[in-house]
Amino acid sequence: ENIMLRDDGYVKVLDFGLARLMEWTDGDGVSETTFEERPQSLTGTLLYMSPEQVGGERVGSPTDVWSLGVVLYELVTGAVPFQGSTAISVVASIMTAHPKPIRDDRPDVPRGL
């Protein structure tokens, strides 16, 4: 639900929920707007979270790349790369497991993918 296909064929990531808009004032009284990442909360869908995110660490754009990789893996294989029957087992899988190689089930997929 966070990834949309535009009419012109471009894919847009709408929101992984990792950042919030912040306004701050520097020492000279100049007001600026920036994004602050929220490492203290688990925001997002567990199956698509990075190890840093489920571990409560500071997250940023690499987490978005991880989540996009999970989506790509799911699009190609029909399954998410890290699974479990409970939230704890999903977290353990994300933190310690290696996903099944895509080509095990889809030998037609290019090696570079």
PDB file of N, CA and C in Angstrom:
ATOM      1  N   GLU A   1       0.796  -1.206   0.000  1.00  0.00           N
ATOM      2  CA  GLU A   1       0.000   0.000   0.000  1.00  0.00           C
ATOM      3  C   GLU A   1       0.838   1.270   0.000  1.00  0.00           C
ATOM      4  N   ASN A   2       2.137   1.148   0.236  1.00  0.00           N
ATOM      5  CA  ASN A   2       3.028   2.304   0.227  1.00  0.00           C
ATOM      6  C   ASN A   2       3.751   2.482  -1.096  1.00  0.00           C
ATOM      7  N   ILE A   3       3.558   1.568  -2.019  1.00  0.00           N
ATOM      8  CA  ILE A   3       4.222   1.646  -3.320  1.00  0.00           C
ATOM      9  C   ILE A   3       3.144   1.724  -4.391  1.00  0.00           C
ATOM     10  N   MET A   4       3.207   2.774  -5.180  1.00  0.00           N
ATOM     11  CA  MET A   4       2.187   3.004  -6.197  1.00  0.00           C
ATOM     12  C   MET A   4       2.826   3.110  -7.574  1.00  0.00           C
ATOM     13  N   LEU A   5       2.105   2.661  -8.570  1.00  0.00           N
ATOM     14  CA  LEU A   5       2.519   2.782  -9.963  1.00  0.00           C
ATOM     15  C   LEU A   5       1.760   3.951 -10.573  1.00  0.00           C
ATOM     16  N   ARG A   6       2.508   4.959 -11.036  1.00  0.00           N
ATOM     17  CA  ARG A   6       1.872   6.118 -11.649  1.00  0.00           C
ATOM     18  C   ARG A   6       1.374   5.762 -13.040  1.00  0.00           C
ATOM     19  N   ASP A   7       0.492   6.587 -13.588  1.00  0.00           N
ATOM     20  CA  ASP A   7      -0.040   6.377 -14.934  1.00  0.00           C
ATOM     21  C   ASP A   7       1.051   6.370 -15.998  1.00  0.00           C
ATOM     22  N   ASP A   8       2.153   7.099 -15.746  1.00  0.00           N
ATOM     23  CA  ASP A   8       3.235   7.161 -16.725  1.00  0.00           C
ATOM     24  C   ASP A   8       4.252   6.034 -16.555  1.00  0.00           C
ATOM     25  N   GLY A   9       3.969   5.075 -15.663  1.00  0.00           N
ATOM     26  CA  GLY A   9       4.829   3.911 -15.500  1.00  0.00           C
ATOM     27  C   GLY A   9       5.865   4.008 -14.398  1.00  0.00           C
ATOM     28  N   TYR A  10       6.021   5.175 -13.791  1.00  0.00           N
ATOM     29  CA  TYR A  10       6.984   5.328 -12.699  1.00  0.00           C
ATOM     30  C   TYR A  10       6.426   4.757 -11.401  1.00  0.00           C
ATOM     31  N   VAL A  11       7.320   4.186 -10.610  1.00  0.00           N
ATOM     32  CA  VAL A  11       6.945   3.659  -9.301  1.00  0.00           C
ATOM     33  C   VAL A  11       7.275   4.710  -8.257  1.00  0.00           C
ATOM     34  N   LYS A  12       6.352   4.964  -7.340  1.00  0.00           N
ATOM     35  CA  LYS A  12       6.568   5.943  -6.275  1.00  0.00           C
ATOM     36  C   LYS A  12       6.436   5.250  -4.924  1.00  0.00           C
ATOM     37  N   VAL A  13       7.438   5.477  -4.069  1.00  0.00           N
ATOM     38  CA  VAL A  13       7.354   5.034  -2.686  1.00  0.00           C
ATOM     39  C   VAL A  13       6.734   6.190  -1.927  1.00  0.00           C
ATOM     40  N   LEU A  14       5.554   5.962  -1.363  1.00  0.00           N
ATOM     41  CA  LEU A  14       4.830   7.054  -0.735  1.00  0.00           C
ATOM     42  C   LEU A  14       5.323   7.346   0.667  1.00  0.00           C
ATOM     43  N   ASP A  15       5.519   6.318   1.493  1.00  0.00           N
ATOM     44  CA  ASP A  15       5.917   6.579   2.871  1.00  0.00           C
ATOM     45  C   ASP A  15       6.261   5.273   3.540  1.00  0.00           C
ATOM     46  N   PHE A  16       7.472   5.175   4.050  1.00  0.00           N
ATOM     47  CA  PHE A  16       7.814   4.039   4.890  1.00  0.00           C
ATOM     48  C   PHE A  16       7.653   4.412   6.355  1.00  0.00           C
ATOM     49  N   GLY A  17       7.200   5.643   6.638  1.00  0.00           N
ATOM     50  CA  GLY A  17       6.913   6.052   8.001  1.00  0.00           C
ATOM     51  C   GLY A  17       8.132   6.245   8.875  1.00  0.00           C
ATOM     52  N   LEU A  18       9.290   6.510   8.308  1.00  0.00           N
ATOM     53  CA  LEU A  18      10.509   6.595   9.100  1.00  0.00           C
ATOM     54  C   LEU A  18      10.882   8.005   9.518  1.00  0.00           C
ATOM     55  N   ALA A  19      10.319   8.990   8.872  1.00  0.00           N
ATOM     56  CA  ALA A  19      10.752  10.352   9.155  1.00  0.00           C
ATOM     57  C   ALA A  19       9.559  11.230   9.475  1.00  0.00           C
ATOM     58  N   ARG A  20       9.835  12.264  10.238  1.00  0.00           N
ATOM     59  CA  ARG A  20       8.804  13.259  10.484  1.00  0.00           C
ATOM     60  C   ARG A  20       9.434  14.626  10.254  1.00  0.00           C
ATOM     61  N   LEU A  21       8.642  15.570   9.811  1.00  0.00           N
ATOM     62  CA  LEU A  21       9.132  16.899   9.507  1.00  0.00           C
ATOM     63  C   LEU A  21       9.355  17.665  10.803  1.00  0.00           C
ATOM     64  N   MET A  22      10.518  18.290  10.933  1.00  0.00           N
ATOM     65  CA  MET A  22      10.861  19.048  12.132  1.00  0.00           C
ATOM     66  C   MET A  22      11.239  20.467  11.719  1.00  0.00           C
ATOM     67  N   GLU A  23      10.885  21.434  12.558  1.00  0.00           N
ATOM     68  CA  GLU A  23      11.357  22.792  12.334  1.00  0.00           C
ATOM     69  C   GLU A  23      12.262  23.152  13.494  1.00  0.00           C
ATOM     70  N   TRP A  24      13.388  23.770  13.203  1.00  0.00           N
ATOM     71  CA  TRP A  24      14.327  24.162  14.242  1.00  0.00           C
ATOM     72  C   TRP A  24      14.938  25.503  13.896  1.00  0.00           C
ATOM     73  N   THR A  25      15.529  26.127  14.899  1.00  0.00           N
ATOM     74  CA  THR A  25      16.167  27.420  14.712  1.00  0.00           C
ATOM     75  C   THR A  25      17.637  27.279  15.052  1.00  0.00           C
ATOM     76  N   ASP A  26      18.512  27.750  14.147  1.00  0.00           N
ATOM     77  CA  ASP A  26      19.945  27.659  14.427  1.00  0.00           C
ATOM     78  C   ASP A  26      20.365  28.789  15.368  1.00  0.00           C
ATOM     79  N   GLY A  27      21.634  28.854  15.682  1.00  0.00           N
ATOM     80  CA  GLY A  27      22.143  29.845  16.623  1.00  0.00           C
ATOM     81  C   GLY A  27      21.935  31.284  16.187  1.00  0.00           C
ATOM     82  N   ASP A  28      21.761  31.531  14.899  1.00  0.00           N
ATOM     83  CA  ASP A  28      21.552  32.883  14.382  1.00  0.00           C
ATOM     84  C   ASP A  28      20.075  33.239  14.290  1.00  0.00           C
ATOM     85  N   GLY A  29      19.211  32.373  14.789  1.00  0.00           N
ATOM     86  CA  GLY A  29      17.784  32.628  14.741  1.00  0.00           C
ATOM     87  C   GLY A  29      17.140  32.312  13.411  1.00  0.00           C
ATOM     88  N   VAL A  30      17.869  31.639  12.523  1.00  0.00           N
ATOM     89  CA  VAL A  30      17.327  31.270  11.214  1.00  0.00           C
ATOM     90  C   VAL A  30      16.541  29.977  11.364  1.00  0.00           C
ATOM     91  N   SER A  31      15.290  30.017  10.944  1.00  0.00           N
ATOM     92  CA  SER A  31      14.422  28.842  11.044  1.00  0.00           C
ATOM     93  C   SER A  31      14.625  27.959   9.823  1.00  0.00           C
ATOM     94  N   GLU A  32      14.788  26.670  10.053  1.00  0.00           N
ATOM     95  CA  GLU A  32      14.955  25.717   8.962  1.00  0.00           C
ATOM     96  C   GLU A  32      14.047  24.527   9.200  1.00  0.00           C
ATOM     97  N   THR A  33      13.736  23.847   8.120  1.00  0.00           N
ATOM     98  CA  THR A  33      12.928  22.640   8.207  1.00  0.00           C
ATOM     99  C   THR A  33      13.795  21.462   7.802  1.00  0.00           C
ATOM    100  N   THR A  34      13.700  20.390   8.545  1.00  0.00           N
ATOM    101  CA  THR A  34      14.503  19.208   8.264  1.00  0.00           C
ATOM    102  C   THR A  34      13.689  17.968   8.606  1.00  0.00           C
ATOM    103  N   PHE A  35      14.218  16.824   8.255  1.00  0.00           N
ATOM    104  CA  PHE A  35      13.591  15.567   8.628  1.00  0.00           C
ATOM    105  C   PHE A  35      14.366  14.948   9.769  1.00  0.00           C
ATOM    106  N   GLU A  36      13.654  14.419  10.742  1.00  0.00           N
ATOM    107  CA  GLU A  36      14.279  13.685  11.830  1.00  0.00           C
ATOM    108  C   GLU A  36      13.812  12.246  11.739  1.00  0.00           C
ATOM    109  N   GLU A  37      14.762  11.332  11.804  1.00  0.00           N
ATOM    110  CA  GLU A  37      14.409   9.920  11.782  1.00  0.00           C
ATOM    111  C   GLU A  37      13.976   9.502  13.174  1.00  0.00           C
ATOM    112  N   ARG A  38      13.105   8.507  13.250  1.00  0.00           N
ATOM    113  CA  ARG A  38      12.567   8.066  14.527  1.00  0.00           C
ATOM    114  C   ARG A  38      13.042   6.660  14.853  1.00  0.00           C
ATOM    115  N   PRO A  39      14.229   6.519  15.455  1.00  0.00           N
ATOM    116  CA  PRO A  39      14.712   5.179  15.764  1.00  0.00           C
ATOM    117  C   PRO A  39      14.030   4.556  16.968  1.00  0.00           C
ATOM    118  N   GLN A  40      13.383   5.373  17.782  1.00  0.00           N
ATOM    119  CA  GLN A  40      12.847   4.865  19.029  1.00  0.00           C
ATOM    120  C   GLN A  40      11.528   4.114  18.877  1.00  0.00           C
ATOM    121  N   SER A  41      10.941   4.117  17.711  1.00  0.00           N
ATOM    122  CA  SER A  41       9.664   3.434  17.549  1.00  0.00           C
ATOM    123  C   SER A  41       9.731   2.470  16.371  1.00  0.00           C
ATOM    124  N   LEU A  42       8.981   1.394  16.480  1.00  0.00           N
ATOM    125  CA  LEU A  42       8.874   0.447  15.371  1.00  0.00           C
ATOM    126  C   LEU A  42       7.703   0.885  14.510  1.00  0.00           C
ATOM    127  N   THR A  43       8.008   1.592  13.463  1.00  0.00           N
ATOM    128  CA  THR A  43       6.990   2.077  12.543  1.00  0.00           C
ATOM    129  C   THR A  43       7.155   1.330  11.237  1.00  0.00           C
ATOM    130  N   GLY A  44       6.100   0.688  10.792  1.00  0.00           N
ATOM    131  CA  GLY A  44       6.177  -0.011   9.522  1.00  0.00           C
ATOM    132  C   GLY A  44       5.610  -1.410   9.621  1.00  0.00           C
ATOM    133  N   THR A  45       5.686  -2.127   8.536  1.00  0.00           N
ATOM    134  CA  THR A  45       5.215  -3.498   8.476  1.00  0.00           C
ATOM    135  C   THR A  45       6.393  -4.413   8.763  1.00  0.00           C
ATOM    136  N   LEU A  46       6.265  -5.239   9.773  1.00  0.00           N
ATOM    137  CA  LEU A  46       7.365  -6.047  10.284  1.00  0.00           C
ATOM    138  C   LEU A  46       8.110  -6.815   9.195  1.00  0.00           C
ATOM    139  N   LEU A  47       7.407  -7.442   8.277  1.00  0.00           N
ATOM    140  CA  LEU A  47       8.053  -8.259   7.250  1.00  0.00           C
ATOM    141  C   LEU A  47       8.980  -7.460   6.338  1.00  0.00           C
ATOM    142  N   TYR A  48       8.829  -6.144   6.316  1.00  0.00           N
ATOM    143  CA  TYR A  48       9.605  -5.288   5.423  1.00  0.00           C
ATOM    144  C   TYR A  48      10.640  -4.447   6.168  1.00  0.00           C
ATOM    145  N   MET A  49      10.788  -4.668   7.468  1.00  0.00           N
ATOM    146  CA  MET A  49      11.713  -3.877   8.283  1.00  0.00           C
ATOM    147  C   MET A  49      13.142  -4.384   8.173  1.00  0.00           C
ATOM    148  N   SER A  50      14.085  -3.452   8.247  1.00  0.00           N
ATOM    149  CA  SER A  50      15.513  -3.785   8.213  1.00  0.00           C
ATOM    150  C   SER A  50      15.963  -4.288   9.586  1.00  0.00           C
ATOM    151  N   PRO A  51      17.120  -4.953   9.639  1.00  0.00           N
ATOM    152  CA  PRO A  51      17.649  -5.377  10.940  1.00  0.00           C
ATOM    153  C   PRO A  51      17.836  -4.198  11.898  1.00  0.00           C
ATOM    154  N   GLU A  52      18.281  -3.063  11.385  1.00  0.00           N
ATOM    155  CA  GLU A  52      18.449  -1.885  12.236  1.00  0.00           C
ATOM    156  C   GLU A  52      17.114  -1.427  12.807  1.00  0.00           C
ATOM    157  N   GLN A  53      16.088  -1.489  11.995  1.00  0.00           N
ATOM    158  CA  GLN A  53      14.777  -1.019  12.424  1.00  0.00           C
ATOM    159  C   GLN A  53      14.192  -1.928  13.491  1.00  0.00           C
ATOM    160  N   VAL A  54      14.240  -3.242  13.282  1.00  0.00           N
ATOM    161  CA  VAL A  54      13.683  -4.145  14.299  1.00  0.00           C
ATOM    162  C   VAL A  54      14.551  -4.162  15.546  1.00  0.00           C
ATOM    163  N   GLY A  55      15.828  -3.782  15.399  1.00  0.00           N
ATOM    164  CA  GLY A  55      16.726  -3.715  16.545  1.00  0.00           C
ATOM    165  C   GLY A  55      16.643  -2.409  17.308  1.00  0.00           C
ATOM    166  N   GLY A  56      15.782  -1.501  16.866  1.00  0.00           N
ATOM    167  CA  GLY A  56      15.599  -0.237  17.560  1.00  0.00           C
ATOM    168  C   GLY A  56      16.719   0.759  17.345  1.00  0.00           C
ATOM    169  N   GLU A  57      17.535   0.538  16.322  1.00  0.00           N
ATOM    170  CA  GLU A  57      18.640   1.450  16.033  1.00  0.00           C
ATOM    171  C   GLU A  57      18.165   2.606  15.160  1.00  0.00           C
ATOM    172  N   ARG A  58      19.027   3.586  15.007  1.00  0.00           N
ATOM    173  CA  ARG A  58      18.738   4.726  14.139  1.00  0.00           C
ATOM    174  C   ARG A  58      18.628   4.223  12.695  1.00  0.00           C
ATOM    175  N   VAL A  59      17.624   4.696  11.984  1.00  0.00           N
ATOM    176  CA  VAL A  59      17.396   4.251  10.609  1.00  0.00           C
ATOM    177  C   VAL A  59      17.415   5.439   9.660  1.00  0.00           C
ATOM    178  N   GLY A  60      17.644   5.151   8.405  1.00  0.00           N
ATOM    179  CA  GLY A  60      17.661   6.186   7.378  1.00  0.00           C
ATOM    180  C   GLY A  60      17.414   5.569   6.023  1.00  0.00           C
ATOM    181  N   SER A  61      17.990   6.147   4.997  1.00  0.00           N
ATOM    182  CA  SER A  61      17.722   5.690   3.635  1.00  0.00           C
ATOM    183  C   SER A  61      18.129   4.235   3.388  1.00  0.00           C
ATOM    184  N   PRO A  62      19.170   3.674   4.027  1.00  0.00           N
ATOM    185  CA  PRO A  62      19.450   2.253   3.810  1.00  0.00           C
ATOM    186  C   PRO A  62      18.280   1.345   4.210  1.00  0.00           C
ATOM    187  N   THR A  63      17.498   1.768   5.189  1.00  0.00           N
ATOM    188  CA  THR A  63      16.321   0.989   5.570  1.00  0.00           C
ATOM    189  C   THR A  63      15.293   0.991   4.448  1.00  0.00           C
ATOM    190  N   ASP A  64      15.147   2.121   3.766  1.00  0.00           N
ATOM    191  CA  ASP A  64      14.234   2.172   2.620  1.00  0.00           C
ATOM    192  C   ASP A  64      14.715   1.246   1.508  1.00  0.00           C
ATOM    193  N   VAL A  65      16.026   1.206   1.281  1.00  0.00           N
ATOM    194  CA  VAL A  65      16.589   0.314   0.263  1.00  0.00           C
ATOM    195  C   VAL A  65      16.322  -1.136   0.652  1.00  0.00           C
ATOM    196  N   TRP A  66      16.517  -1.479   1.924  1.00  0.00           N
ATOM    197  CA  TRP A  66      16.235  -2.832   2.424  1.00  0.00           C
ATOM    198  C   TRP A  66      14.771  -3.184   2.130  1.00  0.00           C
ATOM    199  N   SER A  67      13.860  -2.303   2.517  1.00  0.00           N
ATOM    200  CA  SER A  67      12.435  -2.571   2.329  1.00  0.00           C
ATOM    201  C   SER A  67      12.087  -2.731   0.857  1.00  0.00           C
ATOM    202  N   LEU A  68      12.687  -1.924   0.017  1.00  0.00           N
ATOM    203  CA  LEU A  68      12.465  -2.057  -1.423  1.00  0.00           C
ATOM    204  C   LEU A  68      12.993  -3.395  -1.925  1.00  0.00           C
ATOM    205  N   GLY A  69      14.125  -3.840  -1.382  1.00  0.00           N
ATOM    206  CA  GLY A  69      14.661  -5.159  -1.728  1.00  0.00           C
ATOM    207  C   GLY A  69      13.722  -6.278  -1.335  1.00  0.00           C
ATOM    208  N   VAL A  70      13.085  -6.140  -0.175  1.00  0.00           N
ATOM    209  CA  VAL A  70      12.101  -7.136   0.257  1.00  0.00           C
ATOM    210  C   VAL A  70      10.930  -7.171  -0.723  1.00  0.00           C
ATOM    211  N   VAL A  71      10.470  -5.992  -1.135  1.00  0.00           N
ATOM    212  CA  VAL A  71       9.372  -5.918  -2.107  1.00  0.00           C
ATOM    213  C   VAL A  71       9.784  -6.562  -3.426  1.00  0.00           C
ATOM    214  N   LEU A  72      10.980  -6.279  -3.906  1.00  0.00           N
ATOM    215  CA  LEU A  72      11.463  -6.870  -5.156  1.00  0.00           C
ATOM    216  C   LEU A  72      11.536  -8.387  -5.039  1.00  0.00           C
ATOM    217  N   TYR A  73      12.081  -8.885  -3.931  1.00  0.00           N
ATOM    218  CA  TYR A  73      12.160 -10.329  -3.696  1.00  0.00           C
ATOM    219  C   TYR A  73      10.757 -10.941  -3.750  1.00  0.00           C
ATOM    220  N   GLU A  74       9.814 -10.275  -3.100  1.00  0.00           N
ATOM    221  CA  GLU A  74       8.434 -10.774  -3.082  1.00  0.00           C
ATOM    222  C   GLU A  74       7.803 -10.749  -4.475  1.00  0.00           C
ATOM    223  N   LEU A  75       8.073  -9.710  -5.248  1.00  0.00           N
ATOM    224  CA  LEU A  75       7.528  -9.637  -6.604  1.00  0.00           C
ATOM    225  C   LEU A  75       8.037 -10.771  -7.480  1.00  0.00           C
ATOM    226  N   VAL A  76       9.308 -11.117  -7.314  1.00  0.00           N
ATOM    227  CA  VAL A  76       9.921 -12.149  -8.158  1.00  0.00           C
ATOM    228  C   VAL A  76       9.554 -13.555  -7.696  1.00  0.00           C
ATOM    229  N   THR A  77       9.510 -13.775  -6.382  1.00  0.00           N
ATOM    230  CA  THR A  77       9.314 -15.135  -5.861  1.00  0.00           C
ATOM    231  C   THR A  77       7.899 -15.435  -5.389  1.00  0.00           C
ATOM    232  N   GLY A  78       7.140 -14.394  -5.089  1.00  0.00           N
ATOM    233  CA  GLY A  78       5.805 -14.601  -4.538  1.00  0.00           C
ATOM    234  C   GLY A  78       5.797 -14.772  -3.028  1.00  0.00           C
ATOM    235  N   ALA A  79       6.963 -14.634  -2.391  1.00  0.00           N
ATOM    236  CA  ALA A  79       7.063 -14.775  -0.935  1.00  0.00           C
ATOM    237  C   ALA A  79       8.062 -13.755  -0.404  1.00  0.00           C
ATOM    238  N   VAL A  80       7.878 -13.349   0.846  1.00  0.00           N
ATOM    239  CA  VAL A  80       8.852 -12.447   1.464  1.00  0.00           C
ATOM    240  C   VAL A  80      10.081 -13.249   1.873  1.00  0.00           C
ATOM    241  N   PRO A  81      11.255 -12.625   1.919  1.00  0.00           N
ATOM    242  CA  PRO A  81      12.481 -13.376   2.203  1.00  0.00           C
ATOM    243  C   PRO A  81      12.650 -13.804   3.655  1.00  0.00           C
ATOM    244  N   PHE A  82      12.019 -13.114   4.575  1.00  0.00           N
ATOM    245  CA  PHE A  82      12.156 -13.432   5.996  1.00  0.00           C
ATOM    246  C   PHE A  82      10.769 -13.700   6.553  1.00  0.00           C
ATOM    247  N   GLN A  83      10.598 -14.895   7.121  1.00  0.00           N
ATOM    248  CA  GLN A  83       9.276 -15.313   7.566  1.00  0.00           C
ATOM    249  C   GLN A  83       9.339 -15.880   8.972  1.00  0.00           C
ATOM    250  N   GLY A  84       8.172 -16.062   9.555  1.00  0.00           N
ATOM    251  CA  GLY A  84       8.049 -16.678  10.861  1.00  0.00           C
ATOM    252  C   GLY A  84       6.589 -16.769  11.236  1.00  0.00           C
ATOM    253  N   SER A  85       6.284 -17.603  12.210  1.00  0.00           N
ATOM    254  CA  SER A  85       4.891 -17.791  12.621  1.00  0.00           C
ATOM    255  C   SER A  85       4.471 -16.793  13.695  1.00  0.00           C
ATOM    256  N   THR A  86       5.434 -16.119  14.312  1.00  0.00           N
ATOM    257  CA  THR A  86       5.144 -15.093  15.316  1.00  0.00           C
ATOM    258  C   THR A  86       6.003 -13.868  15.015  1.00  0.00           C
ATOM    259  N   ALA A  87       5.659 -12.757  15.636  1.00  0.00           N
ATOM    260  CA  ALA A  87       6.450 -11.540  15.443  1.00  0.00           C
ATOM    261  C   ALA A  87       7.893 -11.758  15.883  1.00  0.00           C
ATOM    262  N   ILE A  88       8.085 -12.452  16.993  1.00  0.00           N
ATOM    263  CA  ILE A  88       9.439 -12.711  17.498  1.00  0.00           C
ATOM    264  C   ILE A  88      10.230 -13.560  16.508  1.00  0.00           C
ATOM    265  N   SER A  89       9.592 -14.563  15.918  1.00  0.00           N
ATOM    266  CA  SER A  89      10.317 -15.409  14.964  1.00  0.00           C
ATOM    267  C   SER A  89      10.620 -14.663  13.662  1.00  0.00           C
ATOM    268  N   VAL A  90       9.764 -13.723  13.280  1.00  0.00           N
ATOM    269  CA  VAL A  90      10.052 -12.890  12.108  1.00  0.00           C
ATOM    270  C   VAL A  90      11.263 -12.003  12.403  1.00  0.00           C
ATOM    271  N   VAL A  91      11.287 -11.389  13.578  1.00  0.00           N
ATOM    272  CA  VAL A  91      12.423 -10.549  13.967  1.00  0.00           C
ATOM    273  C   VAL A  91      13.706 -11.375  13.975  1.00  0.00           C
ATOM    274  N   ALA A  92      13.649 -12.574  14.552  1.00  0.00           N
ATOM    275  CA  ALA A  92      14.829 -13.449  14.585  1.00  0.00           C
ATOM    276  C   ALA A  92      15.291 -13.783  13.171  1.00  0.00           C
ATOM    277  N   SER A  93      14.353 -14.028  12.275  1.00  0.00           N
ATOM    278  CA  SER A  93      14.691 -14.335  10.886  1.00  0.00           C
ATOM    279  C   SER A  93      15.378 -13.140  10.217  1.00  0.00           C
ATOM    280  N   ILE A  94      14.828 -11.949  10.422  1.00  0.00           N
ATOM    281  CA  ILE A  94      15.413 -10.738   9.840  1.00  0.00           C
ATOM    282  C   ILE A  94      16.825 -10.516  10.370  1.00  0.00           C
ATOM    283  N   MET A  95      17.025 -10.776  11.651  1.00  0.00           N
ATOM    284  CA  MET A  95      18.315 -10.501  12.290  1.00  0.00           C
ATOM    285  C   MET A  95      19.384 -11.549  11.974  1.00  0.00           C
ATOM    286  N   THR A  96      18.982 -12.800  11.701  1.00  0.00           N
ATOM    287  CA  THR A  96      19.993 -13.859  11.618  1.00  0.00           C
ATOM    288  C   THR A  96      19.961 -14.714  10.354  1.00  0.00           C
ATOM    289  N   ALA A  97      18.839 -14.783   9.686  1.00  0.00           N
ATOM    290  CA  ALA A  97      18.708 -15.716   8.559  1.00  0.00           C
ATOM    291  C   ALA A  97      19.216 -15.109   7.253  1.00  0.00           C
ATOM    292  N   HIS A  98      19.552 -15.972   6.339  1.00  0.00           N
ATOM    293  CA  HIS A  98      19.869 -15.575   4.969  1.00  0.00           C
ATOM    294  C   HIS A  98      18.685 -16.006   4.113  1.00  0.00           C
ATOM    295  N   PRO A  99      18.167 -15.120   3.268  1.00  0.00           N
ATOM    296  CA  PRO A  99      17.021 -15.518   2.446  1.00  0.00           C
ATOM    297  C   PRO A  99      17.401 -16.619   1.462  1.00  0.00           C
ATOM    298  N   LYS A 100      16.423 -17.416   1.135  1.00  0.00           N
ATOM    299  CA  LYS A 100      16.617 -18.455   0.126  1.00  0.00           C
ATOM    300  C   LYS A 100      16.983 -17.774  -1.189  1.00  0.00           C
ATOM    301  N   PRO A 101      18.034 -18.228  -1.852  1.00  0.00           N
ATOM    302  CA  PRO A 101      18.397 -17.610  -3.134  1.00  0.00           C
ATOM    303  C   PRO A 101      17.230 -17.657  -4.128  1.00  0.00           C
ATOM    304  N   ILE A 102      16.987 -16.548  -4.769  1.00  0.00           N
ATOM    305  CA  ILE A 102      15.874 -16.438  -5.713  1.00  0.00           C
ATOM    306  C   ILE A 102      15.955 -17.512  -6.788  1.00  0.00           C
ATOM    307  N   ARG A 103      17.151 -17.784  -7.270  1.00  0.00           N
ATOM    308  CA  ARG A 103      17.312 -18.730  -8.379  1.00  0.00           C
ATOM    309  C   ARG A 103      17.053 -20.179  -7.974  1.00  0.00           C
ATOM    310  N   ASP A 104      16.935 -20.472  -6.682  1.00  0.00           N
ATOM    311  CA  ASP A 104      16.565 -21.834  -6.277  1.00  0.00           C
ATOM    312  C   ASP A 104      15.197 -22.213  -6.841  1.00  0.00           C
ATOM    313  N   ASP A 105      14.276 -21.256  -6.826  1.00  0.00           N
ATOM    314  CA  ASP A 105      12.926 -21.499  -7.346  1.00  0.00           C
ATOM    315  C   ASP A 105      12.700 -20.883  -8.718  1.00  0.00           C
ATOM    316  N   ARG A 106      13.513 -19.890  -9.056  1.00  0.00           N
ATOM    317  CA  ARG A 106      13.340 -19.175 -10.322  1.00  0.00           C
ATOM    318  C   ARG A 106      14.658 -19.098 -11.068  1.00  0.00           C
ATOM    319  N   PRO A 107      15.127 -20.225 -11.649  1.00  0.00           N
ATOM    320  CA  PRO A 107      16.414 -20.219 -12.354  1.00  0.00           C
ATOM    321  C   PRO A 107      16.424 -19.301 -13.574  1.00  0.00           C
ATOM    322  N   ASP A 108      15.247 -18.868 -14.009  1.00  0.00           N
ATOM    323  CA  ASP A 108      15.159 -17.967 -15.154  1.00  0.00           C
ATOM    324  C   ASP A 108      15.513 -16.523 -14.800  1.00  0.00           C
ATOM    325  N   VAL A 109      15.610 -16.221 -13.522  1.00  0.00           N
ATOM    326  CA  VAL A 109      15.926 -14.861 -13.083  1.00  0.00           C
ATOM    327  C   VAL A 109      17.421 -14.603 -13.302  1.00  0.00           C
ATOM    328  N   PRO A 110      17.784 -13.471 -13.886  1.00  0.00           N
ATOM    329  CA  PRO A 110      19.206 -13.176 -14.118  1.00  0.00           C
ATOM    330  C   PRO A 110      20.018 -13.211 -12.819  1.00  0.00           C
ATOM    331  N   ARG A 111      21.219 -13.750 -12.900  1.00  0.00           N
ATOM    332  CA  ARG A 111      22.090 -13.852 -11.719  1.00  0.00           C
ATOM    333  C   ARG A 111      22.331 -12.502 -11.059  1.00  0.00           C
ATOM    334  N   GLY A 112      22.454 -11.460 -11.842  1.00  0.00           N
ATOM    335  CA  GLY A 112      22.733 -10.130 -11.310  1.00  0.00           C
ATOM    336  C   GLY A 112      21.639  -9.562 -10.435  1.00  0.00           C
ATOM    337  N   LEU A 113      20.446 -10.079 -10.573  1.00  0.00           N
ATOM    338  CA  LEU A 113      19.339  -9.586  -9.761  1.00  0.00           C
ATOM    339  C   LEU A 113      19.461 -10.135  -8.363  1.00  0.00           C
TER     340      LEU A 113
END
